[in-house]
Structures are given as C-alpha cells and as structure tokens.
Amino acid sequence: MRDFVAIDFETANSDPSSICSVGIVVVRDGRVQQRVHRLVRPVPNYYSFHNTRVHGMTRKDTDFQVGFPMVWRELQPLFVGLPFVAHNAPFEQRCLRAVHDVYNMPYPEYTFHCTCQTSRKVFGKELPNHRLPTVALACGYELATHHHALADAEACAAIALKIL
C-alpha cells in the first residue's frame, strides 16, 4: 500500500465520541506528504483520570478548541479517496462513527486497514506483543511520544509502509 492516511485519535474519557486530539499522516506514492495534528473540544467534555494519565491532556488543553465537525471539515480534503490505516483500527472506527453520530454528521463507509492485525500475521510470536511502540520498533521506527495523536499516526504510517 503506497497511498493512505494514517490516523490516530485520543479520547478524553471512555466515551468513544470524546475525541480530544487527532493526528493524520498523508502518504502518497509511498512518501509522507503531510502531517497534521489538531486538538478538539470533546463531547462529552470531561476528562477521566485514566485517559489523562495515558495522554496527559486535560480540559485546559481543549476547552477553547473547536468541535469535531469544524476540524473534520478542515481535514477531509487531505484524505478524499484514500483509505485509513490505524493501529487497532476498530478503536479508531468506533470513535469516528460515534462522533459522527453525536453531531448528526453523515458517516461515509470509510475503508480502514489495521496495522495491529497485520503485525500479528507478519510477525506472529517473533514480537513480545503487538503494541504500537513494539511494532514500530520492529519496523525500524522509534516512537518517542506514545499516545500523542500525531506521533502515533507517524508510527502507524511507518509500520504500514513496511508491512502493508
């Protein structure tokens, strides 16, 4: 696969619609063309202790950000006609569908490919686990800031270019 968009969401709480950060990496002809990171005011707008512990964000980071529809309108032209690639794609799909539902936005049937599932097929038991940092390192990419949406999308793109 040489043309795709690697995508990663971070959420504020356990509700999949609570996207508070999105990172995308646009890859065309096997080369990274664009990297974009946006903070998003989540719905519902509260942060759980667990999620904050994972990614470090709180309401003070996103209270004055725009909502998902405005961010998504800005990003859409970058990925028209391209499939999405995500590590643990079912999570990203669930978040994307949930936030579309919350805002009553039409949900196109986006195509997703999962680097985690592919890693299990490609590497099998060669790796101790198939978490994003582990798989990225096996593909020659060191993920320094795991759970930052753009850093995770960059790692996912590097993995996809190696094994998809």
C-alpha atoms as a PDB file:
ATOM      1  CA  MET A   1       0.000   0.000   0.000  1.00  0.00           C
ATOM      2  CA  ARG A   2       1.526   3.294  -1.087  1.00  0.00           C
ATOM      3  CA  ASP A   3      -1.393   5.742  -0.798  1.00  0.00           C
ATOM      4  CA  PHE A   4      -3.232   6.098   2.515  1.00  0.00           C
ATOM      5  CA  VAL A   5      -3.846   8.237   5.558  1.00  0.00           C
ATOM      6  CA  ALA A   6      -2.568   7.023   8.919  1.00  0.00           C
ATOM      7  CA  ILE A   7      -4.922   8.277  11.622  1.00  0.00           C
ATOM      8  CA  ASP A   8      -4.953   8.287  15.405  1.00  0.00           C
ATOM      9  CA  PHE A   9      -7.424   9.655  17.942  1.00  0.00           C
ATOM     10  CA  GLU A  10      -7.002  10.334  21.627  1.00  0.00           C
ATOM     11  CA  THR A  11     -10.140  10.477  23.748  1.00  0.00           C
ATOM     12  CA  ALA A  12     -10.965  12.459  26.870  1.00  0.00           C
ATOM     13  CA  ASN A  13     -12.876   9.674  28.592  1.00  0.00           C
ATOM     14  CA  SER A  14     -14.343   6.227  27.980  1.00  0.00           C
ATOM     15  CA  ASP A  15     -16.987   7.553  25.577  1.00  0.00           C
ATOM     16  CA  PRO A  16     -15.741   6.883  22.031  1.00  0.00           C
ATOM     17  CA  SER A  17     -17.180  10.213  20.848  1.00  0.00           C
ATOM     18  CA  SER A  18     -14.893  12.150  23.214  1.00  0.00           C
ATOM     19  CA  ILE A  19     -12.138  12.716  20.651  1.00  0.00           C
ATOM     20  CA  CYS A  20      -9.837  15.402  22.035  1.00  0.00           C
ATOM     21  CA  SER A  21      -6.941  15.047  19.611  1.00  0.00           C
ATOM     22  CA  VAL A  22      -6.482  13.797  16.071  1.00  0.00           C
ATOM     23  CA  GLY A  23      -3.291  13.152  14.148  1.00  0.00           C
ATOM     24  CA  ILE A  24      -3.116  12.276  10.468  1.00  0.00           C
ATOM     25  CA  VAL A  25      -0.240  11.459   8.169  1.00  0.00           C
ATOM     26  CA  VAL A  26      -0.982  11.577   4.451  1.00  0.00           C
ATOM     27  CA  VAL A  27       1.100   9.130   2.396  1.00  0.00           C
ATOM     28  CA  ARG A  28       1.112   9.231  -1.391  1.00  0.00           C
ATOM     29  CA  ASP A  29       3.294   7.114  -3.641  1.00  0.00           C
ATOM     30  CA  GLY A  30       4.975   5.673  -0.548  1.00  0.00           C
ATOM     31  CA  ARG A  31       6.098   9.057   0.802  1.00  0.00           C
ATOM     32  CA  VAL A  32       4.796  11.156   3.645  1.00  0.00           C
ATOM     33  CA  GLN A  33       3.210  14.229   2.082  1.00  0.00           C
ATOM     34  CA  GLN A  34       1.619  15.902   5.055  1.00  0.00           C
ATOM     35  CA  ARG A  35       1.361  15.672   8.844  1.00  0.00           C
ATOM     36  CA  VAL A  36      -1.467  17.356  10.744  1.00  0.00           C
ATOM     37  CA  HIS A  37      -2.332  17.458  14.431  1.00  0.00           C
ATOM     38  CA  ARG A  38      -5.431  19.134  15.852  1.00  0.00           C
ATOM     39  CA  LEU A  39      -6.826  19.440  19.342  1.00  0.00           C
ATOM     40  CA  VAL A  40     -10.601  19.065  19.568  1.00  0.00           C
ATOM     41  CA  ARG A  41     -13.125  20.124  22.200  1.00  0.00           C
ATOM     42  CA  PRO A  42     -14.512  16.686  23.139  1.00  0.00           C
ATOM     43  CA  VAL A  43     -18.116  15.573  23.560  1.00  0.00           C
ATOM     44  CA  PRO A  44     -18.808  14.842  26.344  1.00  0.00           C
ATOM     45  CA  ASN A  45     -16.393  17.467  27.614  1.00  0.00           C
ATOM     46  CA  TYR A  46     -14.784  15.921  30.659  1.00  0.00           C
ATOM     47  CA  TYR A  47     -11.514  14.079  31.167  1.00  0.00           C
ATOM     48  CA  SER A  48     -11.231  10.851  33.082  1.00  0.00           C
ATOM     49  CA  PHE A  49      -8.232  10.322  35.338  1.00  0.00           C
ATOM     50  CA  HIS A  50      -7.252   7.235  33.323  1.00  0.00           C
ATOM     51  CA  ASN A  51      -7.281   8.994  29.945  1.00  0.00           C
ATOM     52  CA  THR A  52      -5.369  11.999  31.277  1.00  0.00           C
ATOM     53  CA  ARG A  53      -2.784   9.633  32.762  1.00  0.00           C
ATOM     54  CA  VAL A  54      -2.369   7.996  29.346  1.00  0.00           C
ATOM     55  CA  HIS A  55      -2.018  11.082  27.134  1.00  0.00           C
ATOM     56  CA  GLY A  56      -1.512  13.951  29.581  1.00  0.00           C
ATOM     57  CA  MET A  57      -4.294  16.207  28.295  1.00  0.00           C
ATOM     58  CA  THR A  58      -6.934  17.942  30.401  1.00  0.00           C
ATOM     59  CA  ARG A  59      -9.837  20.322  29.793  1.00  0.00           C
ATOM     60  CA  LYS A  60      -7.499  23.293  29.933  1.00  0.00           C
ATOM     61  CA  ASP A  61      -5.899  21.959  26.738  1.00  0.00           C
ATOM     62  CA  THR A  62      -9.141  21.726  24.767  1.00  0.00           C
ATOM     63  CA  ASP A  63     -11.815  23.977  26.323  1.00  0.00           C
ATOM     64  CA  PHE A  64     -11.106  26.720  23.793  1.00  0.00           C
ATOM     65  CA  GLN A  65     -10.663  24.432  20.791  1.00  0.00           C
ATOM     66  CA  VAL A  66     -13.302  23.957  18.103  1.00  0.00           C
ATOM     67  CA  GLY A  67     -15.561  20.919  17.963  1.00  0.00           C
ATOM     68  CA  PHE A  68     -15.046  17.877  15.792  1.00  0.00           C
ATOM     69  CA  PRO A  69     -17.201  18.964  12.802  1.00  0.00           C
ATOM     70  CA  MET A  70     -15.016  22.004  12.114  1.00  0.00           C
ATOM     71  CA  VAL A  71     -11.792  20.015  12.486  1.00  0.00           C
ATOM     72  CA  TRP A  72     -13.101  17.221  10.255  1.00  0.00           C
ATOM     73  CA  ARG A  73     -14.184  19.710   7.540  1.00  0.00           C
ATOM     74  CA  GLU A  74     -10.633  21.089   7.557  1.00  0.00           C
ATOM     75  CA  LEU A  75      -9.041  17.631   7.297  1.00  0.00           C
ATOM     76  CA  GLN A  76     -11.367  15.977   4.762  1.00  0.00           C
ATOM     77  CA  PRO A  77      -9.786  17.481   1.627  1.00  0.00           C
ATOM     78  CA  LEU A  78      -6.489  15.863   2.628  1.00  0.00           C
ATOM     79  CA  PHE A  79      -7.800  12.307   2.504  1.00  0.00           C
ATOM     80  CA  VAL A  80     -10.511  12.220  -0.164  1.00  0.00           C
ATOM     81  CA  GLY A  81     -10.345   8.841  -1.898  1.00  0.00           C
ATOM     82  CA  LEU A  82      -7.672   7.425   0.415  1.00  0.00           C
ATOM     83  CA  PRO A  83      -8.100   4.522   2.827  1.00  0.00           C
ATOM     84  CA  PHE A  84      -7.338   4.978   6.516  1.00  0.00           C
ATOM     85  CA  VAL A  85      -4.660   2.996   8.299  1.00  0.00           C
ATOM     86  CA  ALA A  86      -4.663   2.739  12.091  1.00  0.00           C
ATOM     87  CA  HIS A  87      -3.065   0.642  14.779  1.00  0.00           C
ATOM     88  CA  ASN A  88      -6.054  -1.059  16.396  1.00  0.00           C
ATOM     89  CA  ALA A  89      -8.340   0.229  13.649  1.00  0.00           C
ATOM     90  CA  PRO A  90     -11.565  -0.954  15.366  1.00  0.00           C
ATOM     91  CA  PHE A  91     -10.971   1.652  18.101  1.00  0.00           C
ATOM     92  CA  GLU A  92     -10.454   4.490  15.600  1.00  0.00           C
ATOM     93  CA  GLN A  93     -13.506   3.373  13.591  1.00  0.00           C
ATOM     94  CA  ARG A  94     -15.647   3.232  16.724  1.00  0.00           C
ATOM     95  CA  CYS A  95     -14.562   6.757  17.723  1.00  0.00           C
ATOM     96  CA  LEU A  96     -15.130   8.142  14.243  1.00  0.00           C
ATOM     97  CA  ARG A  97     -18.605   6.624  13.958  1.00  0.00           C
ATOM     98  CA  ALA A  98     -19.568   7.752  17.489  1.00  0.00           C
ATOM     99  CA  VAL A  99     -18.532  11.359  16.950  1.00  0.00           C
ATOM    100  CA  HIS A 100     -20.346  11.441  13.599  1.00  0.00           C
ATOM    101  CA  ASP A 101     -23.472  10.190  15.398  1.00  0.00           C
ATOM    102  CA  VAL A 102     -23.184  12.768  18.200  1.00  0.00           C
ATOM    103  CA  TYR A 103     -23.058  15.608  15.682  1.00  0.00           C
ATOM    104  CA  ASN A 104     -25.601  14.035  13.283  1.00  0.00           C
ATOM    105  CA  MET A 105     -22.981  14.033  10.541  1.00  0.00           C
ATOM    106  CA  PRO A 106     -23.407  11.602   7.651  1.00  0.00           C
ATOM    107  CA  TYR A 107     -20.955   8.727   8.005  1.00  0.00           C
ATOM    108  CA  PRO A 108     -19.404   7.568   4.736  1.00  0.00           C
ATOM    109  CA  GLU A 109     -18.201   3.991   4.763  1.00  0.00           C
ATOM    110  CA  TYR A 110     -14.543   4.778   5.271  1.00  0.00           C
ATOM    111  CA  THR A 111     -12.098   1.989   4.440  1.00  0.00           C
ATOM    112  CA  PHE A 112      -9.789   1.055   7.322  1.00  0.00           C
ATOM    113  CA  HIS A 113      -6.724  -1.188   7.437  1.00  0.00           C
ATOM    114  CA  CYS A 114      -5.270  -2.298  10.757  1.00  0.00           C
ATOM    115  CA  THR A 115      -1.525  -2.421  11.331  1.00  0.00           C
ATOM    116  CA  CYS A 116      -2.017  -4.308  14.614  1.00  0.00           C
ATOM    117  CA  GLN A 117      -3.867  -7.173  12.922  1.00  0.00           C
ATOM    118  CA  THR A 118      -1.336  -7.187  10.095  1.00  0.00           C
ATOM    119  CA  SER A 119       1.514  -7.241  12.615  1.00  0.00           C
ATOM    120  CA  ARG A 120       0.079 -10.389  14.191  1.00  0.00           C
ATOM    121  CA  LYS A 121       0.086 -12.060  10.771  1.00  0.00           C
ATOM    122  CA  VAL A 122       3.519 -10.805   9.708  1.00  0.00           C
ATOM    123  CA  PHE A 123       5.474 -11.067  12.968  1.00  0.00           C
ATOM    124  CA  GLY A 124       3.453 -13.644  14.887  1.00  0.00           C
ATOM    125  CA  LYS A 125       5.306 -14.718  18.019  1.00  0.00           C
ATOM    126  CA  GLU A 126       8.546 -13.012  16.974  1.00  0.00           C
ATOM    127  CA  LEU A 127       7.436  -9.967  18.983  1.00  0.00           C
ATOM    128  CA  PRO A 128       6.659  -9.960  22.721  1.00  0.00           C
ATOM    129  CA  ASN A 129       3.441  -8.039  21.958  1.00  0.00           C
ATOM    130  CA  HIS A 130       1.846  -6.119  19.109  1.00  0.00           C
ATOM    131  CA  ARG A 131       1.528  -2.745  20.790  1.00  0.00           C
ATOM    132  CA  LEU A 132       2.297   0.276  18.639  1.00  0.00           C
ATOM    133  CA  PRO A 133       5.763   1.065  20.084  1.00  0.00           C
ATOM    134  CA  THR A 134       6.847  -2.576  19.790  1.00  0.00           C
ATOM    135  CA  VAL A 135       5.689  -2.985  16.196  1.00  0.00           C
ATOM    136  CA  ALA A 136       7.071   0.411  15.198  1.00  0.00           C
ATOM    137  CA  LEU A 137      10.497  -0.520  16.553  1.00  0.00           C
ATOM    138  CA  ALA A 138      10.377  -3.852  14.704  1.00  0.00           C
ATOM    139  CA  CYS A 139       9.759  -1.809  11.547  1.00  0.00           C
ATOM    140  CA  GLY A 140      12.711   0.489  12.241  1.00  0.00           C
ATOM    141  CA  TYR A 141      10.775   3.417  13.738  1.00  0.00           C
ATOM    142  CA  GLU A 142      11.298   4.579  17.314  1.00  0.00           C
ATOM    143  CA  LEU A 143       8.112   6.029  18.814  1.00  0.00           C
ATOM    144  CA  ALA A 144       9.271   8.612  21.346  1.00  0.00           C
ATOM    145  CA  THR A 145       5.932  10.096  22.466  1.00  0.00           C
ATOM    146  CA  HIS A 146       3.374   7.306  22.520  1.00  0.00           C
ATOM    147  CA  HIS A 147      -0.240   8.499  22.940  1.00  0.00           C
ATOM    148  CA  HIS A 148       0.344  11.794  21.181  1.00  0.00           C
ATOM    149  CA  ALA A 149      -2.040  11.529  18.226  1.00  0.00           C
ATOM    150  CA  LEU A 150       0.400  12.773  15.588  1.00  0.00           C
ATOM    151  CA  ALA A 151       3.325  10.707  16.901  1.00  0.00           C
ATOM    152  CA  ASP A 152       1.141   7.601  16.909  1.00  0.00           C
ATOM    153  CA  ALA A 153      -0.100   8.337  13.367  1.00  0.00           C
ATOM    154  CA  GLU A 154       3.518   8.777  12.213  1.00  0.00           C
ATOM    155  CA  ALA A 155       4.476   5.428  13.764  1.00  0.00           C
ATOM    156  CA  CYS A 156       1.466   3.789  12.151  1.00  0.00           C
ATOM    157  CA  ALA A 157       2.441   5.217   8.755  1.00  0.00           C
ATOM    158  CA  ALA A 158       5.974   3.862   9.153  1.00  0.00           C
ATOM    159  CA  ILE A 159       4.587   0.423  10.018  1.00  0.00           C
ATOM    160  CA  ALA A 160       2.134   0.469   7.114  1.00  0.00           C
ATOM    161  CA  LEU A 161       4.877   1.336   4.662  1.00  0.00           C
ATOM    162  CA  LYS A 162       6.857  -1.706   5.862  1.00  0.00           C
ATOM    163  CA  ILE A 163       4.191  -4.398   6.250  1.00  0.00           C
ATOM    164  CA  LEU A 164       1.001  -3.478   4.380  1.00  0.00           C
END
